[in-house]
Amino acid sequence: MIEQWQRLFPGEDAVGGELIERYSEPHRRYHTLEHLAAMLRVVDEHADLADDADAVRLAVWFHDAVYSPFATDNEEQSAQLARGRLGTLGVPAGRVEEVVRLVRLTAGHAVAGGDRNGALLADADLAVLAVDAAAYERYTVAVRAEYAAVPDEVFRPGRAAILQKLLDLPALFRAVPARAEWTARAHENLRREIRTLLGAP
């Protein structure tokens, strides 16, 4: 992963190393280096869809840099970390603020029309919803592990409500050319998980 980081900042390993350590924290089961790498692959594959692909890549690196399962301000803390660290790396102020904006966007994945950077970032973050059934099962197991302290009777309806909100979005994916196929697979995965969570047939 440090090589991926150094594509953006050749020879830099202090901030990159810090981020890798953050994504390697022992309490993480889904919000890990694997998630980071998967998002970067989506951005790299579809970089032409963004107005500033490197800003999107930086937002990927920072979007879950601060992560506690029970905190409500992870994205804001991550955005502020991005502002501080990117400032020390000499990133122009305009790009820093774009990265901060993008990191905050991942809190709800609300993307305005014409926001090409935001659309690609949101698609990369939600791409896990559109994987095959086996990979999606591994994702759900990892998410449950992050919330292991929450009893089933609380976790199941809460998780189901979150998934229903995703199902209700007018557009789950906005940028990738295969968004129709991604959406179909994601909806199937989401509906199946909701049925499992609520014990429905």
Protein backbone atom coordinates (compact mmCIF):
# COMPACT_ATOMS: atom_id res chain seq x y z
CA MET A 1 0.00 0.00 0.00
CA ILE A 2 2.88 2.39 0.60
CA GLU A 3 3.70 2.10 -3.10
CA GLN A 4 0.14 3.16 -3.91
CA TRP A 5 0.55 6.17 -1.62
CA GLN A 6 3.88 7.07 -3.18
CA ARG A 7 2.27 7.25 -6.58
CA LEU A 8 0.76 10.45 -5.18
CA PHE A 9 3.73 11.54 -3.05
CA PRO A 10 6.96 9.97 -4.29
CA GLY A 11 9.27 9.06 -1.44
CA GLU A 12 6.81 10.13 1.29
CA ASP A 13 6.29 7.51 3.97
CA ALA A 14 5.45 9.38 7.18
CA VAL A 15 1.83 10.31 6.43
CA GLY A 16 1.36 7.27 4.23
CA GLY A 17 2.68 5.04 7.00
CA GLU A 18 0.36 6.68 9.51
CA LEU A 19 -2.65 6.05 7.30
CA ILE A 20 -1.68 2.42 6.77
CA GLU A 21 -1.39 2.00 10.55
CA ARG A 22 -4.81 3.56 11.01
CA TYR A 23 -6.45 1.20 8.52
CA SER A 24 -4.67 -1.69 10.28
CA GLU A 25 -6.13 -0.95 13.73
CA PRO A 26 -7.19 -4.17 15.48
CA HIS A 27 -10.83 -3.15 16.00
CA ARG A 28 -11.39 -2.89 12.25
CA ARG A 29 -12.85 -5.82 10.35
CA TYR A 30 -14.30 -4.16 7.25
CA HIS A 31 -12.88 -0.62 7.25
CA THR A 32 -9.41 -1.99 6.57
CA LEU A 33 -6.59 -1.82 4.05
CA GLU A 34 -8.54 -4.30 1.91
CA HIS A 35 -11.44 -1.84 1.68
CA LEU A 36 -9.01 0.96 0.90
CA ALA A 37 -7.35 -1.06 -1.86
CA ALA A 38 -10.70 -2.07 -3.37
CA MET A 39 -11.80 1.56 -3.54
CA LEU A 40 -8.54 2.64 -5.15
CA ARG A 41 -8.99 -0.05 -7.82
CA VAL A 42 -12.40 1.38 -8.73
CA VAL A 43 -11.02 4.91 -8.91
CA ASP A 44 -8.05 3.83 -11.01
CA GLU A 45 -10.28 1.91 -13.41
CA HIS A 46 -12.63 4.85 -13.86
CA ALA A 47 -10.29 7.80 -13.31
CA ASP A 48 -11.47 9.45 -16.51
CA LEU A 49 -14.90 9.95 -14.94
CA ALA A 50 -13.54 12.41 -12.36
CA ASP A 51 -12.54 16.03 -12.78
CA ASP A 52 -9.62 15.51 -10.38
CA ALA A 53 -8.86 11.82 -9.98
CA ASP A 54 -5.99 12.47 -7.57
CA ALA A 55 -8.30 14.42 -5.26
CA VAL A 56 -10.63 11.42 -5.32
CA ARG A 57 -7.72 9.08 -4.57
CA LEU A 58 -6.69 11.25 -1.62
CA ALA A 59 -10.27 11.26 -0.37
CA VAL A 60 -10.23 7.46 -0.52
CA TRP A 61 -7.07 7.37 1.59
CA PHE A 62 -8.54 9.67 4.22
CA HIS A 63 -12.26 8.85 4.22
CA ASP A 64 -12.04 6.19 6.96
CA ALA A 65 -8.74 7.29 8.48
CA VAL A 66 -10.57 7.91 11.74
CA TYR A 67 -12.96 5.07 12.45
CA SER A 68 -14.73 4.02 15.61
CA PRO A 69 -17.86 1.88 15.16
CA PHE A 70 -19.82 3.86 17.74
CA ALA A 71 -18.73 7.40 16.85
CA THR A 72 -21.03 9.72 14.92
CA ASP A 73 -18.33 12.04 13.61
CA ASN A 74 -15.84 9.69 11.96
CA GLU A 75 -16.10 11.45 8.61
CA GLU A 76 -15.66 14.90 10.09
CA GLN A 77 -12.65 13.80 12.10
CA SER A 78 -11.22 12.14 8.99
CA ALA A 79 -11.82 15.33 6.99
CA GLN A 80 -9.98 17.40 9.56
CA LEU A 81 -7.11 14.91 9.58
CA ALA A 82 -6.93 15.22 5.80
CA ARG A 83 -6.80 19.01 6.03
CA GLY A 84 -3.95 18.91 8.50
CA ARG A 85 -1.85 16.19 6.91
CA LEU A 86 -2.25 17.36 3.31
CA GLY A 87 -1.29 20.86 4.37
CA THR A 88 2.05 19.56 5.63
CA LEU A 89 2.65 17.82 2.29
CA GLY A 90 2.36 21.01 0.29
CA VAL A 91 -0.90 20.12 -1.45
CA PRO A 92 -2.49 23.27 -2.91
CA ALA A 93 -5.21 24.72 -0.71
CA GLY A 94 -7.90 24.27 -3.35
CA ARG A 95 -7.23 20.55 -3.68
CA VAL A 96 -7.04 20.16 0.10
CA GLU A 97 -10.51 21.67 0.45
CA GLU A 98 -11.84 19.44 -2.32
CA VAL A 99 -10.51 16.38 -0.49
CA VAL A 100 -12.09 17.60 2.75
CA ARG A 101 -15.42 18.07 0.95
CA LEU A 102 -15.23 14.61 -0.56
CA VAL A 103 -14.40 12.93 2.74
CA ARG A 104 -17.42 14.60 4.33
CA LEU A 105 -19.58 13.43 1.43
CA THR A 106 -19.01 9.79 2.43
CA ALA A 107 -21.09 10.34 5.57
CA GLY A 108 -24.29 10.07 3.54
CA HIS A 109 -23.22 9.61 -0.08
CA ALA A 110 -25.40 12.53 -1.17
CA VAL A 111 -23.98 13.58 -4.53
CA ALA A 112 -25.17 16.69 -6.32
CA GLY A 113 -25.74 16.68 -10.05
CA GLY A 114 -22.56 17.42 -11.95
CA ASP A 115 -20.30 16.43 -9.05
CA ARG A 116 -18.05 14.06 -10.98
CA ASN A 117 -15.51 13.67 -8.20
CA GLY A 118 -18.19 12.95 -5.62
CA ALA A 119 -19.99 10.50 -7.88
CA LEU A 120 -16.87 8.42 -8.46
CA LEU A 121 -15.94 8.44 -4.77
CA ALA A 122 -19.43 7.38 -3.71
CA ASP A 123 -19.49 4.60 -6.31
CA ALA A 124 -16.12 3.33 -5.08
CA ASP A 125 -17.24 3.37 -1.45
CA LEU A 126 -20.50 1.54 -2.19
CA ALA A 127 -19.03 -0.89 -4.72
CA VAL A 128 -18.93 -3.63 -2.07
CA LEU A 129 -22.73 -3.75 -2.25
CA ALA A 130 -22.50 -4.97 -5.84
CA VAL A 131 -20.07 -7.86 -5.39
CA ASP A 132 -21.10 -11.49 -5.85
CA ALA A 133 -23.09 -13.24 -3.15
CA ALA A 134 -20.12 -14.99 -1.53
CA ALA A 135 -18.07 -11.80 -1.29
CA TYR A 136 -21.10 -9.93 0.04
CA GLU A 137 -21.51 -12.56 2.76
CA ARG A 138 -17.89 -11.98 3.81
CA TYR A 139 -18.62 -8.25 3.93
CA THR A 140 -21.64 -8.74 6.20
CA VAL A 141 -19.63 -10.96 8.53
CA ALA A 142 -16.92 -8.29 8.77
CA VAL A 143 -19.45 -5.56 9.51
CA ARG A 144 -21.06 -7.66 12.21
CA ALA A 145 -17.65 -8.27 13.77
CA GLU A 146 -17.05 -4.53 14.04
CA TYR A 147 -20.27 -4.28 16.04
CA ALA A 148 -19.74 -7.44 18.06
CA ALA A 149 -20.56 -5.57 21.27
CA VAL A 150 -24.09 -4.81 20.02
CA PRO A 151 -26.66 -7.52 20.84
CA ASP A 152 -28.54 -9.08 17.94
CA GLU A 153 -31.88 -7.63 18.99
CA VAL A 154 -30.42 -4.14 18.56
CA PHE A 155 -28.07 -4.78 15.63
CA ARG A 156 -30.50 -6.57 13.34
CA PRO A 157 -33.25 -3.92 13.07
CA GLY A 158 -30.70 -1.11 13.06
CA ARG A 159 -28.69 -2.65 10.25
CA ALA A 160 -31.86 -3.46 8.30
CA ALA A 161 -32.97 0.18 8.53
CA ILE A 162 -29.62 1.36 7.14
CA LEU A 163 -29.84 -1.10 4.26
CA GLN A 164 -33.39 -0.01 3.50
CA LYS A 165 -32.22 3.59 3.19
CA LEU A 166 -29.69 2.44 0.62
CA LEU A 167 -32.40 0.58 -1.27
CA ASP A 168 -34.54 3.71 -1.25
CA LEU A 169 -31.87 5.96 -2.77
CA PRO A 170 -32.97 7.28 -6.18
CA ALA A 171 -29.55 6.30 -7.53
CA LEU A 172 -27.23 3.92 -5.73
CA PHE A 173 -24.45 4.29 -8.31
CA ARG A 174 -23.96 7.39 -10.40
CA ALA A 175 -20.71 7.29 -12.35
CA VAL A 176 -19.50 3.85 -13.40
CA PRO A 177 -20.64 2.72 -16.85
CA ALA A 178 -21.88 -0.59 -15.40
CA ARG A 179 -24.08 1.17 -12.85
CA ALA A 180 -27.24 -0.62 -13.99
CA GLU A 181 -25.64 -4.03 -13.45
CA TRP A 182 -24.05 -2.90 -10.18
CA THR A 183 -27.40 -1.61 -8.97
CA ALA A 184 -29.21 -4.86 -9.81
CA ARG A 185 -26.65 -6.96 -7.91
CA ALA A 186 -26.58 -4.53 -4.99
CA HIS A 187 -30.36 -4.51 -4.66
CA GLU A 188 -30.40 -8.31 -4.66
CA ASN A 189 -27.71 -8.42 -1.96
CA LEU A 190 -29.40 -5.76 0.16
CA ARG A 191 -32.82 -7.40 -0.01
CA ARG A 192 -31.35 -10.79 0.86
CA GLU A 193 -29.49 -9.38 3.86
CA ILE A 194 -32.59 -7.54 5.10
CA ARG A 195 -34.59 -10.80 4.91
CA THR A 196 -31.88 -12.58 6.89
CA LEU A 197 -31.67 -9.84 9.49
CA LEU A 198 -35.40 -9.71 10.06
CA GLY A 199 -35.96 -13.43 9.82
CA ALA A 200 -38.26 -13.07 6.84
CA PRO A 201 -38.74 -16.01 4.44
